[in-house]
All heavy atoms as atom14 arrays in JSON, in Angstrom:
{
  "sequence": "KERWYLILPLAVLVYLLFSGYTPLYAGTIGLALTVMLILGGSIAL",
  "atom14_mask": [
    [1, 1, 1, 1, 1, 1, 1, 1, 1, 0, 0, 0, 0, 0],
    [1, 1, 1, 1, 1, 1, 1, 1, 1, 0, 0, 0, 0, 0],
    [1, 1, 1, 1, 1, 1, 1, 1, 1, 1, 1, 0, 0, 0],
    [1, 1, 1, 1, 1, 1, 1, 1, 1, 1, 1, 1, 1, 1],
    [1, 1, 1, 1, 1, 1, 1, 1, 1, 1, 1, 1, 0, 0],
    [1, 1, 1, 1, 1, 1, 1, 1, 0, 0, 0, 0, 0, 0],
    [1, 1, 1, 1, 1, 1, 1, 1, 0, 0, 0, 0, 0, 0],
    [1, 1, 1, 1, 1, 1, 1, 1, 0, 0, 0, 0, 0, 0],
    [1, 1, 1, 1, 1, 1, 1, 0, 0, 0, 0, 0, 0, 0],
    [1, 1, 1, 1, 1, 1, 1, 1, 0, 0, 0, 0, 0, 0],
    [1, 1, 1, 1, 1, 0, 0, 0, 0, 0, 0, 0, 0, 0],
    [1, 1, 1, 1, 1, 1, 1, 0, 0, 0, 0, 0, 0, 0],
    [1, 1, 1, 1, 1, 1, 1, 1, 0, 0, 0, 0, 0, 0],
    [1, 1, 1, 1, 1, 1, 1, 0, 0, 0, 0, 0, 0, 0],
    [1, 1, 1, 1, 1, 1, 1, 1, 1, 1, 1, 1, 0, 0],
    [1, 1, 1, 1, 1, 1, 1, 1, 0, 0, 0, 0, 0, 0],
    [1, 1, 1, 1, 1, 1, 1, 1, 0, 0, 0, 0, 0, 0],
    [1, 1, 1, 1, 1, 1, 1, 1, 1, 1, 1, 0, 0, 0],
    [1, 1, 1, 1, 1, 1, 0, 0, 0, 0, 0, 0, 0, 0],
    [1, 1, 1, 1, 0, 0, 0, 0, 0, 0, 0, 0, 0, 0],
    [1, 1, 1, 1, 1, 1, 1, 1, 1, 1, 1, 1, 0, 0],
    [1, 1, 1, 1, 1, 1, 1, 0, 0, 0, 0, 0, 0, 0],
    [1, 1, 1, 1, 1, 1, 1, 0, 0, 0, 0, 0, 0, 0],
    [1, 1, 1, 1, 1, 1, 1, 1, 0, 0, 0, 0, 0, 0],
    [1, 1, 1, 1, 1, 1, 1, 1, 1, 1, 1, 1, 0, 0],
    [1, 1, 1, 1, 1, 0, 0, 0, 0, 0, 0, 0, 0, 0],
    [1, 1, 1, 1, 0, 0, 0, 0, 0, 0, 0, 0, 0, 0],
    [1, 1, 1, 1, 1, 1, 1, 0, 0, 0, 0, 0, 0, 0],
    [1, 1, 1, 1, 1, 1, 1, 1, 0, 0, 0, 0, 0, 0],
    [1, 1, 1, 1, 0, 0, 0, 0, 0, 0, 0, 0, 0, 0],
    [1, 1, 1, 1, 1, 1, 1, 1, 0, 0, 0, 0, 0, 0],
    [1, 1, 1, 1, 1, 0, 0, 0, 0, 0, 0, 0, 0, 0],
    [1, 1, 1, 1, 1, 1, 1, 1, 0, 0, 0, 0, 0, 0],
    [1, 1, 1, 1, 1, 1, 1, 0, 0, 0, 0, 0, 0, 0],
    [1, 1, 1, 1, 1, 1, 1, 0, 0, 0, 0, 0, 0, 0],
    [1, 1, 1, 1, 1, 1, 1, 1, 0, 0, 0, 0, 0, 0],
    [1, 1, 1, 1, 1, 1, 1, 1, 0, 0, 0, 0, 0, 0],
    [1, 1, 1, 1, 1, 1, 1, 1, 0, 0, 0, 0, 0, 0],
    [1, 1, 1, 1, 1, 1, 1, 1, 0, 0, 0, 0, 0, 0],
    [1, 1, 1, 1, 0, 0, 0, 0, 0, 0, 0, 0, 0, 0],
    [1, 1, 1, 1, 0, 0, 0, 0, 0, 0, 0, 0, 0, 0],
    [1, 1, 1, 1, 1, 1, 0, 0, 0, 0, 0, 0, 0, 0],
    [1, 1, 1, 1, 1, 1, 1, 1, 0, 0, 0, 0, 0, 0],
    [1, 1, 1, 1, 1, 0, 0, 0, 0, 0, 0, 0, 0, 0],
    [1, 1, 1, 1, 1, 1, 1, 1, 0, 0, 0, 0, 0, 0]
  ],
  "atom14_positions": [
    [[14.58, 8.69, 0.59], [15.27, 7.82, -0.36], [15.37, 6.39, 0.19], [15.21, 5.42, -0.55], [16.66, 8.36, -0.59], [17.45, 7.61, -1.67], [18.81, 8.24, -1.92], [19.59, 7.45, -2.98], [20.94, 8.03, -3.18], [0.0, 0.0, 0.0], [0.0, 0.0, 0.0], [0.0, 0.0, 0.0], [0.0, 0.0, 0.0], [0.0, 0.0, 0.0]],
    [[15.56, 6.28, 1.5], [15.73, 4.96, 2.11], [14.39, 4.24, 2.35], [14.31, 3.01, 2.25], [16.47, 5.08, 3.44], [17.92, 5.43, 3.3], [18.61, 5.62, 4.66], [17.87, 5.61, 5.69], [19.83, 5.77, 4.69], [0.0, 0.0, 0.0], [0.0, 0.0, 0.0], [0.0, 0.0, 0.0], [0.0, 0.0, 0.0], [0.0, 0.0, 0.0]],
    [[13.33, 5.03, 2.65], [12.07, 4.39, 3.04], [10.87, 4.96, 2.28], [9.75, 4.95, 2.8], [11.88, 4.52, 4.54], [12.91, 3.78, 5.36], [12.59, 3.74, 6.84], [12.67, 5.07, 7.46], [13.79, 5.65, 7.85], [14.93, 5.02, 7.71], [13.78, 6.86, 8.38], [0.0, 0.0, 0.0], [0.0, 0.0, 0.0], [0.0, 0.0, 0.0]],
    [[11.09, 5.45, 1.06], [10.02, 6.04, 0.27], [8.9, 5.03, -0.01], [7.73, 5.38, -0.12], [10.56, 6.56, -1.06], [11.18, 5.47, -1.9], [12.46, 5.04, -1.89], [10.5, 4.63, -2.84], [12.66, 4.0, -2.75], [11.45, 3.72, -3.36], [9.18, 4.56, -3.32], [11.13, 2.76, -4.3], [8.87, 3.6, -4.26], [9.84, 2.72, -4.75]],
    [[9.28, 3.76, -0.09], [8.31, 2.72, -0.45], [7.18, 2.61, 0.58], [6.1, 2.11, 0.26], [9.01, 1.38, -0.63], [9.8, 0.94, 0.58], [9.19, 0.23, 1.61], [11.16, 1.24, 0.7], [9.91, -0.18, 2.72], [11.88, 0.85, 1.82], [11.25, 0.15, 2.82], [11.96, -0.23, 3.93], [0.0, 0.0, 0.0], [0.0, 0.0, 0.0]],
    [[7.45, 3.06, 1.84], [6.41, 2.98, 2.86], [5.22, 3.89, 2.54], [4.11, 3.7, 3.04], [6.98, 3.36, 4.22], [7.97, 2.37, 4.83], [8.56, 2.94, 6.12], [7.35, 1.03, 5.08], [0.0, 0.0, 0.0], [0.0, 0.0, 0.0], [0.0, 0.0, 0.0], [0.0, 0.0, 0.0], [0.0, 0.0, 0.0], [0.0, 0.0, 0.0]],
    [[5.48, 4.93, 1.74], [4.41, 5.87, 1.39], [3.5, 5.29, 0.32], [2.34, 5.7, 0.19], [5.02, 7.21, 0.89], [5.87, 7.82, 2.01], [3.97, 8.21, 0.48], [6.67, 9.03, 1.6], [0.0, 0.0, 0.0], [0.0, 0.0, 0.0], [0.0, 0.0, 0.0], [0.0, 0.0, 0.0], [0.0, 0.0, 0.0], [0.0, 0.0, 0.0]],
    [[3.99, 4.28, -0.42], [3.19, 3.72, -1.53], [1.83, 3.22, -1.1], [0.81, 3.54, -1.73], [3.98, 2.62, -2.24], [5.14, 3.08, -3.13], [5.88, 1.87, -3.72], [4.6, 3.95, -4.27], [0.0, 0.0, 0.0], [0.0, 0.0, 0.0], [0.0, 0.0, 0.0], [0.0, 0.0, 0.0], [0.0, 0.0, 0.0], [0.0, 0.0, 0.0]],
    [[1.74, 2.39, -0.03], [0.39, 1.89, 0.34], [-0.56, 3.03, 0.71], [-1.75, 2.99, 0.36], [0.67, 1.02, 1.57], [2.1, 0.64, 1.48], [2.79, 1.8, 0.82], [0.0, 0.0, 0.0], [0.0, 0.0, 0.0], [0.0, 0.0, 0.0], [0.0, 0.0, 0.0], [0.0, 0.0, 0.0], [0.0, 0.0, 0.0], [0.0, 0.0, 0.0]],
    [[-0.04, 4.06, 1.38], [-0.86, 5.21, 1.74], [-1.33, 5.94, 0.48], [-2.5, 6.36, 0.39], [-0.09, 6.15, 2.66], [-0.87, 7.23, 3.41], [-1.96, 6.62, 4.28], [0.07, 8.09, 4.25], [0.0, 0.0, 0.0], [0.0, 0.0, 0.0], [0.0, 0.0, 0.0], [0.0, 0.0, 0.0], [0.0, 0.0, 0.0], [0.0, 0.0, 0.0]],
    [[-0.43, 6.1, -0.48], [-0.76, 6.78, -1.74], [-1.81, 6.0, -2.51], [-2.77, 6.55, -3.05], [0.49, 6.98, -2.58], [0.0, 0.0, 0.0], [0.0, 0.0, 0.0], [0.0, 0.0, 0.0], [0.0, 0.0, 0.0], [0.0, 0.0, 0.0], [0.0, 0.0, 0.0], [0.0, 0.0, 0.0], [0.0, 0.0, 0.0], [0.0, 0.0, 0.0]],
    [[-1.63, 4.67, -2.57], [-2.6, 3.81, -3.27], [-3.95, 3.87, -2.57], [-5.0, 3.94, -3.21], [-2.08, 2.36, -3.35], [-3.18, 1.4, -3.83], [-0.87, 2.27, -4.25], [0.0, 0.0, 0.0], [0.0, 0.0, 0.0], [0.0, 0.0, 0.0], [0.0, 0.0, 0.0], [0.0, 0.0, 0.0], [0.0, 0.0, 0.0], [0.0, 0.0, 0.0]],
    [[-3.94, 3.86, -1.24], [-5.18, 3.93, -0.45], [-5.96, 5.2, -0.8], [-7.16, 5.16, -1.07], [-4.84, 3.9, 1.03], [-6.02, 4.12, 2.0], [-6.89, 2.87, 2.05], [-5.5, 4.46, 3.38], [0.0, 0.0, 0.0], [0.0, 0.0, 0.0], [0.0, 0.0, 0.0], [0.0, 0.0, 0.0], [0.0, 0.0, 0.0], [0.0, 0.0, 0.0]],
    [[-5.25, 6.35, -0.78], [-5.9, 7.62, -1.06], [-6.43, 7.62, -2.49], [-7.56, 8.06, -2.77], [-4.92, 8.8, -0.86], [-5.51, 10.12, -1.32], [-4.53, 8.9, 0.62], [0.0, 0.0, 0.0], [0.0, 0.0, 0.0], [0.0, 0.0, 0.0], [0.0, 0.0, 0.0], [0.0, 0.0, 0.0], [0.0, 0.0, 0.0], [0.0, 0.0, 0.0]],
    [[-5.62, 7.11, -3.45], [-6.06, 7.06, -4.85], [-7.33, 6.24, -5.02], [-8.28, 6.66, -5.68], [-4.94, 6.47, -5.71], [-5.37, 6.15, -7.12], [-5.57, 7.14, -8.07], [-5.64, 4.82, -7.49], [-6.0, 6.85, -9.34], [-6.08, 4.52, -8.78], [-6.27, 5.53, -9.7], [-6.7, 5.24, -10.96], [0.0, 0.0, 0.0], [0.0, 0.0, 0.0]],
    [[-7.36, 5.07, -4.36], [-8.54, 4.2, -4.48], [-9.77, 4.85, -3.86], [-10.87, 4.77, -4.43], [-8.26, 2.84, -3.83], [-7.23, 1.94, -4.51], [-6.94, 0.71, -3.66], [-7.72, 1.52, -5.9], [0.0, 0.0, 0.0], [0.0, 0.0, 0.0], [0.0, 0.0, 0.0], [0.0, 0.0, 0.0], [0.0, 0.0, 0.0], [0.0, 0.0, 0.0]],
    [[-9.59, 5.47, -2.68], [-10.73, 6.09, -2.01], [-11.32, 7.22, -2.87], [-12.53, 7.4, -2.92], [-10.29, 6.64, -0.65], [-10.01, 5.6, 0.43], [-9.37, 6.24, 1.66], [-11.3, 4.87, 0.85], [0.0, 0.0, 0.0], [0.0, 0.0, 0.0], [0.0, 0.0, 0.0], [0.0, 0.0, 0.0], [0.0, 0.0, 0.0], [0.0, 0.0, 0.0]],
    [[-10.45, 7.97, -3.54], [-10.94, 9.08, -4.34], [-11.31, 8.66, -5.76], [-11.82, 9.47, -6.53], [-9.89, 10.21, -4.39], [-9.9, 11.07, -3.17], [-9.12, 10.75, -2.08], [-10.7, 12.19, -3.1], [-9.15, 11.52, -0.93], [-10.73, 12.98, -1.97], [-9.96, 12.65, -0.88], [0.0, 0.0, 0.0], [0.0, 0.0, 0.0], [0.0, 0.0, 0.0]],
    [[-11.07, 7.39, -6.09], [-11.47, 6.88, -7.4], [-12.82, 6.2, -7.38], [-13.25, 5.61, -8.37], [-10.4, 5.91, -7.94], [-9.18, 6.58, -8.11], [0.0, 0.0, 0.0], [0.0, 0.0, 0.0], [0.0, 0.0, 0.0], [0.0, 0.0, 0.0], [0.0, 0.0, 0.0], [0.0, 0.0, 0.0], [0.0, 0.0, 0.0], [0.0, 0.0, 0.0]],
    [[-13.47, 6.23, -6.21], [-14.8, 5.67, -6.13], [-14.87, 4.26, -5.58], [-15.97, 3.7, -5.46], [0.0, 0.0, 0.0], [0.0, 0.0, 0.0], [0.0, 0.0, 0.0], [0.0, 0.0, 0.0], [0.0, 0.0, 0.0], [0.0, 0.0, 0.0], [0.0, 0.0, 0.0], [0.0, 0.0, 0.0], [0.0, 0.0, 0.0], [0.0, 0.0, 0.0]],
    [[-13.72, 3.65, -5.25], [-13.76, 2.32, -4.64], [-14.26, 2.45, -3.2], [-14.05, 3.48, -2.56], [-12.37, 1.68, -4.66], [-11.89, 1.31, -6.04], [-11.16, 2.19, -6.82], [-12.19, 0.04, -6.57], [-10.72, 1.84, -8.09], [-11.76, -0.32, -7.86], [-11.02, 0.59, -8.6], [-10.6, 0.23, -9.85], [0.0, 0.0, 0.0], [0.0, 0.0, 0.0]],
    [[-14.85, 1.37, -2.69], [-15.37, 1.43, -1.32], [-14.19, 1.46, -0.35], [-13.12, 0.92, -0.64], [-16.23, 0.19, -1.0], [-15.4, -0.98, -1.04], [-17.37, 0.05, -2.0], [0.0, 0.0, 0.0], [0.0, 0.0, 0.0], [0.0, 0.0, 0.0], [0.0, 0.0, 0.0], [0.0, 0.0, 0.0], [0.0, 0.0, 0.0], [0.0, 0.0, 0.0]],
    [[-14.39, 2.07, 0.83], [-13.33, 2.06, 1.84], [-12.88, 0.65, 2.22], [-11.71, 0.42, 2.5], [-13.96, 2.78, 3.04], [-15.01, 3.65, 2.44], [-15.54, 2.89, 1.27], [0.0, 0.0, 0.0], [0.0, 0.0, 0.0], [0.0, 0.0, 0.0], [0.0, 0.0, 0.0], [0.0, 0.0, 0.0], [0.0, 0.0, 0.0], [0.0, 0.0, 0.0]],
    [[-13.82, -0.31, 2.23], [-13.48, -1.68, 2.58], [-12.52, -2.26, 1.57], [-11.5, -2.87, 1.91], [-14.76, -2.52, 2.65], [-14.59, -3.96, 3.12], [-14.02, -3.99, 4.55], [-15.93, -4.69, 3.09], [0.0, 0.0, 0.0], [0.0, 0.0, 0.0], [0.0, 0.0, 0.0], [0.0, 0.0, 0.0], [0.0, 0.0, 0.0], [0.0, 0.0, 0.0]],
    [[-12.8, -2.04, 0.29], [-11.93, -2.53, -0.79], [-10.58, -1.84, -0.75], [-9.53, -2.48, -0.79], [-12.62, -2.3, -2.13], [-11.88, -2.86, -3.32], [-11.97, -4.21, -3.63], [-11.1, -2.05, -4.14], [-11.32, -4.75, -4.72], [-10.44, -2.58, -5.24], [-10.55, -3.92, -5.52], [-9.88, -4.45, -6.59], [0.0, 0.0, 0.0], [0.0, 0.0, 0.0]],
    [[-10.61, -0.51, -0.62], [-9.37, 0.27, -0.6], [-8.5, -0.12, 0.59], [-7.29, -0.26, 0.48], [-9.69, 1.77, -0.54], [0.0, 0.0, 0.0], [0.0, 0.0, 0.0], [0.0, 0.0, 0.0], [0.0, 0.0, 0.0], [0.0, 0.0, 0.0], [0.0, 0.0, 0.0], [0.0, 0.0, 0.0], [0.0, 0.0, 0.0], [0.0, 0.0, 0.0]],
    [[-9.13, -0.29, 1.77], [-8.38, -0.67, 2.96], [-7.76, -2.04, 2.83], [-6.64, -2.28, 3.26], [0.0, 0.0, 0.0], [0.0, 0.0, 0.0], [0.0, 0.0, 0.0], [0.0, 0.0, 0.0], [0.0, 0.0, 0.0], [0.0, 0.0, 0.0], [0.0, 0.0, 0.0], [0.0, 0.0, 0.0], [0.0, 0.0, 0.0], [0.0, 0.0, 0.0]],
    [[-8.5, -2.98, 2.23], [-7.97, -4.34, 2.02], [-6.77, -4.31, 1.12], [-5.72, -4.95, 1.42], [-9.07, -5.25, 1.41], [-10.24, -5.22, 2.21], [-8.58, -6.69, 1.31], [0.0, 0.0, 0.0], [0.0, 0.0, 0.0], [0.0, 0.0, 0.0], [0.0, 0.0, 0.0], [0.0, 0.0, 0.0], [0.0, 0.0, 0.0], [0.0, 0.0, 0.0]],
    [[-6.84, -3.56, 0.03], [-5.72, -3.47, -0.91], [-4.54, -2.76, -0.24], [-3.38, -3.19, -0.37], [-6.15, -2.73, -2.2], [-7.24, -3.53, -2.93], [-4.95, -2.51, -3.11], [-6.85, -4.92, -3.32], [0.0, 0.0, 0.0], [0.0, 0.0, 0.0], [0.0, 0.0, 0.0], [0.0, 0.0, 0.0], [0.0, 0.0, 0.0], [0.0, 0.0, 0.0]],
    [[-4.81, -1.65, 0.48], [-3.73, -0.94, 1.15], [-3.01, -1.82, 2.15], [-1.77, -1.83, 2.22], [0.0, 0.0, 0.0], [0.0, 0.0, 0.0], [0.0, 0.0, 0.0], [0.0, 0.0, 0.0], [0.0, 0.0, 0.0], [0.0, 0.0, 0.0], [0.0, 0.0, 0.0], [0.0, 0.0, 0.0], [0.0, 0.0, 0.0], [0.0, 0.0, 0.0]],
    [[-3.77, -2.61, 2.92], [-3.17, -3.53, 3.9], [-2.35, -4.6, 3.19], [-1.22, -4.9, 3.6], [-4.3, -4.17, 4.72], [-3.86, -5.21, 5.77], [-2.91, -4.62, 6.77], [-5.09, -5.79, 6.47], [0.0, 0.0, 0.0], [0.0, 0.0, 0.0], [0.0, 0.0, 0.0], [0.0, 0.0, 0.0], [0.0, 0.0, 0.0], [0.0, 0.0, 0.0]],
    [[-2.91, -5.16, 2.11], [-2.19, -6.2, 1.37], [-0.89, -5.67, 0.8], [0.16, -6.34, 0.85], [-3.08, -6.73, 0.24], [0.0, 0.0, 0.0], [0.0, 0.0, 0.0], [0.0, 0.0, 0.0], [0.0, 0.0, 0.0], [0.0, 0.0, 0.0], [0.0, 0.0, 0.0], [0.0, 0.0, 0.0], [0.0, 0.0, 0.0], [0.0, 0.0, 0.0]],
    [[-0.9, -4.45, 0.26], [0.33, -3.87, -0.28], [1.38, -3.63, 0.8], [2.58, -3.81, 0.57], [0.01, -2.54, -0.99], [-0.75, -2.63, -2.32], [-0.99, -1.23, -2.88], [0.05, -3.47, -3.33], [0.0, 0.0, 0.0], [0.0, 0.0, 0.0], [0.0, 0.0, 0.0], [0.0, 0.0, 0.0], [0.0, 0.0, 0.0], [0.0, 0.0, 0.0]],
    [[0.93, -3.22, 1.98], [1.87, -3.01, 3.1], [2.56, -4.32, 3.46], [3.78, -4.36, 3.64], [1.14, -2.44, 4.32], [0.4, -1.27, 3.94], [2.11, -2.07, 5.42], [0.0, 0.0, 0.0], [0.0, 0.0, 0.0], [0.0, 0.0, 0.0], [0.0, 0.0, 0.0], [0.0, 0.0, 0.0], [0.0, 0.0, 0.0], [0.0, 0.0, 0.0]],
    [[1.79, -5.41, 3.54], [2.35, -6.72, 3.86], [3.33, -7.14, 2.76], [4.43, -7.64, 3.04], [1.24, -7.76, 4.04], [1.84, -9.16, 4.24], [0.34, -7.4, 5.19], [0.0, 0.0, 0.0], [0.0, 0.0, 0.0], [0.0, 0.0, 0.0], [0.0, 0.0, 0.0], [0.0, 0.0, 0.0], [0.0, 0.0, 0.0], [0.0, 0.0, 0.0]],
    [[2.94, -6.91, 1.49], [3.81, -7.27, 0.38], [5.14, -6.48, 0.43], [6.19, -7.01, 0.12], [3.1, -7.02, -0.95], [1.98, -8.01, -1.23], [1.0, -7.6, -2.69], [2.17, -7.95, -4.0], [0.0, 0.0, 0.0], [0.0, 0.0, 0.0], [0.0, 0.0, 0.0], [0.0, 0.0, 0.0], [0.0, 0.0, 0.0], [0.0, 0.0, 0.0]],
    [[5.06, -5.21, 0.84], [6.28, -4.41, 0.94], [7.19, -4.9, 2.06], [8.41, -4.96, 1.9], [5.92, -2.94, 1.18], [5.46, -2.15, -0.05], [4.96, -0.77, 0.36], [6.61, -2.01, -1.04], [0.0, 0.0, 0.0], [0.0, 0.0, 0.0], [0.0, 0.0, 0.0], [0.0, 0.0, 0.0], [0.0, 0.0, 0.0], [0.0, 0.0, 0.0]],
    [[6.59, -5.26, 3.2], [7.4, -5.76, 4.31], [8.09, -7.06, 3.92], [9.31, -7.24, 4.12], [6.51, -5.97, 5.56], [6.02, -4.63, 6.1], [7.29, -6.72, 6.66], [4.96, -4.76, 7.2], [0.0, 0.0, 0.0], [0.0, 0.0, 0.0], [0.0, 0.0, 0.0], [0.0, 0.0, 0.0], [0.0, 0.0, 0.0], [0.0, 0.0, 0.0]],
    [[7.33, -7.97, 3.33], [7.9, -9.27, 2.94], [8.87, -9.09, 1.77], [9.95, -9.68, 1.73], [6.79, -10.25, 2.58], [5.81, -10.6, 3.7], [4.71, -11.52, 3.19], [6.54, -11.24, 4.85], [0.0, 0.0, 0.0], [0.0, 0.0, 0.0], [0.0, 0.0, 0.0], [0.0, 0.0, 0.0], [0.0, 0.0, 0.0], [0.0, 0.0, 0.0]],
    [[8.44, -8.26, 0.79], [9.28, -8.04, -0.39], [10.59, -7.38, -0.03], [11.65, -7.72, -0.59], [0.0, 0.0, 0.0], [0.0, 0.0, 0.0], [0.0, 0.0, 0.0], [0.0, 0.0, 0.0], [0.0, 0.0, 0.0], [0.0, 0.0, 0.0], [0.0, 0.0, 0.0], [0.0, 0.0, 0.0], [0.0, 0.0, 0.0], [0.0, 0.0, 0.0]],
    [[10.55, -6.42, 0.92], [11.78, -5.77, 1.36], [12.76, -6.76, 1.97], [13.97, -6.66, 1.75], [0.0, 0.0, 0.0], [0.0, 0.0, 0.0], [0.0, 0.0, 0.0], [0.0, 0.0, 0.0], [0.0, 0.0, 0.0], [0.0, 0.0, 0.0], [0.0, 0.0, 0.0], [0.0, 0.0, 0.0], [0.0, 0.0, 0.0], [0.0, 0.0, 0.0]],
    [[12.24, -7.7, 2.72], [13.09, -8.73, 3.33], [13.73, -9.62, 2.26], [14.92, -9.93, 2.32], [12.26, -9.57, 4.3], [13.02, -10.66, 4.78], [0.0, 0.0, 0.0], [0.0, 0.0, 0.0], [0.0, 0.0, 0.0], [0.0, 0.0, 0.0], [0.0, 0.0, 0.0], [0.0, 0.0, 0.0], [0.0, 0.0, 0.0], [0.0, 0.0, 0.0]],
    [[12.91, -10.0, 1.27], [13.42, -10.86, 0.19], [14.47, -10.11, -0.63], [15.53, -10.66, -0.99], [12.27, -11.34, -0.7], [11.37, -12.29, 0.09], [12.77, -11.99, -1.98], [10.04, -12.61, -0.59], [0.0, 0.0, 0.0], [0.0, 0.0, 0.0], [0.0, 0.0, 0.0], [0.0, 0.0, 0.0], [0.0, 0.0, 0.0], [0.0, 0.0, 0.0]],
    [[14.19, -8.83, -0.95], [15.08, -8.05, -1.8], [16.47, -7.9, -1.18], [17.48, -7.87, -1.89], [14.49, -6.66, -2.06], [0.0, 0.0, 0.0], [0.0, 0.0, 0.0], [0.0, 0.0, 0.0], [0.0, 0.0, 0.0], [0.0, 0.0, 0.0], [0.0, 0.0, 0.0], [0.0, 0.0, 0.0], [0.0, 0.0, 0.0], [0.0, 0.0, 0.0]],
    [[16.53, -7.83, 0.16], [17.84, -7.7, 0.82], [18.7, -8.92, 0.57], [19.96, -8.82, 0.6], [17.64, -7.5, 2.33], [17.12, -6.14, 2.78], [16.84, -6.15, 4.28], [18.11, -5.04, 2.42], [0.0, 0.0, 0.0], [0.0, 0.0, 0.0], [0.0, 0.0, 0.0], [0.0, 0.0, 0.0], [0.0, 0.0, 0.0], [0.0, 0.0, 0.0]]
  ]
}
């Protein structure tokens, strides 16, 4: 409940990899989402 959002980038990464996107593209998006969550979490507080 407190840190569920950390699973989101991993879930998106797996979804993209299995949807036919290249690992390079999926990894870039997964990394970007993780950074957005870290920064967004700080702003939301």
